[in-house]
Amino acid sequence: MARSVVPVILCGGSGSRLWPVSRQLLPKQFLPLVTGRSLLQDTALRAREAAGGAAPVVVCNEAHRFLVNDQLAEVGIAARILLEPEGRSTAAAVAVAAIACEADDPVLLVLPSDHAIRGIDAFRDAVRRAAEVAAQGMLVTFGIRAAKPDSGFGYIERGEALPGPAGAFKVARFLEKPSEDKARELIATGRAYWNSGMFAFGARRVLEELGRLAPAVLQASRAAMQGAASDLGFTRLAREAFLASPSEAIDRAVMEKTPHAAVIPAEFDWSDVGSWGALWELAEKDAAGNAARGDVRLQDTRGTLVYGEGRLVATLGVDDLIIVDSDDALLVADRSKSQEVREVVEDLKRSKRTEHINHTRVYRPWGYYEQVDAGERFQVKRLMIKPGHALSLQLHRRRAEHWVVVSGKARVTRGEDTLHLAENQSTYIPVGTKHRLENPGTEPLLIIEVQSGGYLGEDDIERFEDRYNRT
């Protein structure tokens, strides 16, 4: 009898090379970069089809838990979601997912949440073959036929063919990001593949190898699962136990060391969507090799990607550029430098700026807020509260707030009073007053919030009650 297959979706990472669209609080896996759905949604739908409908296990940072849950719900997928207090790379993420599935011992189909794949039939066939090999005790990785000698990828060199109909090979060796010349030599042998970071192995089998090759990771992961708590339907891993795990990739912790590694050559089109250059390669292009999104006008332009999110972007007499225009940041780069965008992000961190953390629209479990304007001692925001949702009962020590209802219905707690406001009505929240904003209606509630005071930071919040269990 064939082993069942359970997808494990790894939903960490910040996607810093896709700044300014991908940011810390809304990284690339939650963005519709390739299709009309987010990369996470595409991954989950693809995994469900390839795994025969099994519900996935998703491992994500606790800061993204509501985004993950909402985006999966939008495409009709219910998942078991494990919350990491902080990232510990993929070995620990795989370990806790395997422990969660240990009793049934399925084949785990481990997939990053931020890849793009075309050719669902070929993908489904590769998963079927990988599951057959994994059921025999092997730890399987998917090898991508290298389109070019790219030094940005790790490589897998295949060894002898494994017996059976699956078309799998033993792994001869892994090579981590060789030079371009070395990569060219590898590709010329016909035995080398890009390492996709996708895997298939039995739950108990990978735990055995973790125990043998990375015991500190396994020990910390078991302790984190044993101390885990249920929180609004999520599984929150025990913080101190999980943070005791070494931060190590599953590739280095297990796959590069085990003698039981196998590779399935994949026939589908694959991209890790790891940079703006990779997105340009994926995109449809005009006759001059340009890819454009948004309100874009191109003249005498070749080989350029323009990604606009609002205002008109026009180019004239330029070649081979990356131009990304967001609400609060503009990136202009030579296309050959797209892998180095993360250096801009590192500079923003060193400068203690925030453009690498937030967009002007910031998502919260109750909806989102957008900054409209700001100046000395004032700030204006637009809030959207989803039907049936509410902000926490809170107060601010250093700012007052004035709320105006644009559309929808609002229930406001202000001190000891409860107010019901409709369109064009408003209220004032003095400094130090307990308050809460709720949407009791069936339509989104839109609010304009004017803040005034000597300090307007988001950390000036003292919460007393919160249905989302935020601290």
Foldseek 3Di string as FASTA:
>chain_A
DFFAEAEEEEEEDQLLLAPPVTFALRGQQQDQLQHPGGLLCVVQVLVCVLRVNHAHEYEYAPSCVLSNCVSCVVVPGDHAYEHAPDALAAVLSLLLRLVVCVVSFGKYWYYYSQKDWPDSVLVSLLSVLQSVLQVVLFKEFEFELDPALFLQFKKWFFDAFDDDDSQKTFTPAIGHRDDSVVSVVRNVVVRMGTGRLIIIHTSVSLLVQCCVQPVQSNQLSVQQQVPWDAAPSHTYTDHVSNVSGHRDYCCVRGVRPDSRYMYHYGDIDMDSPSWVLRSLVSADADPQSEHEDDQEAEECEHNEYEYEDDDYDYDYNYYQWYWYDAPPDIDIGRSVCSNVSSVVVVVCVVVVHCSNHDGQWRADSQGIKGWDDDDQFKTKIKDKGAAPDKDFFKAFQWKKKKKAWQAAWKWKDWAPDIDIDGHGDIDIHDHPTTMMIHHNDNHITIMMMMMGGNDDDPVRIDGDDDSNPDD
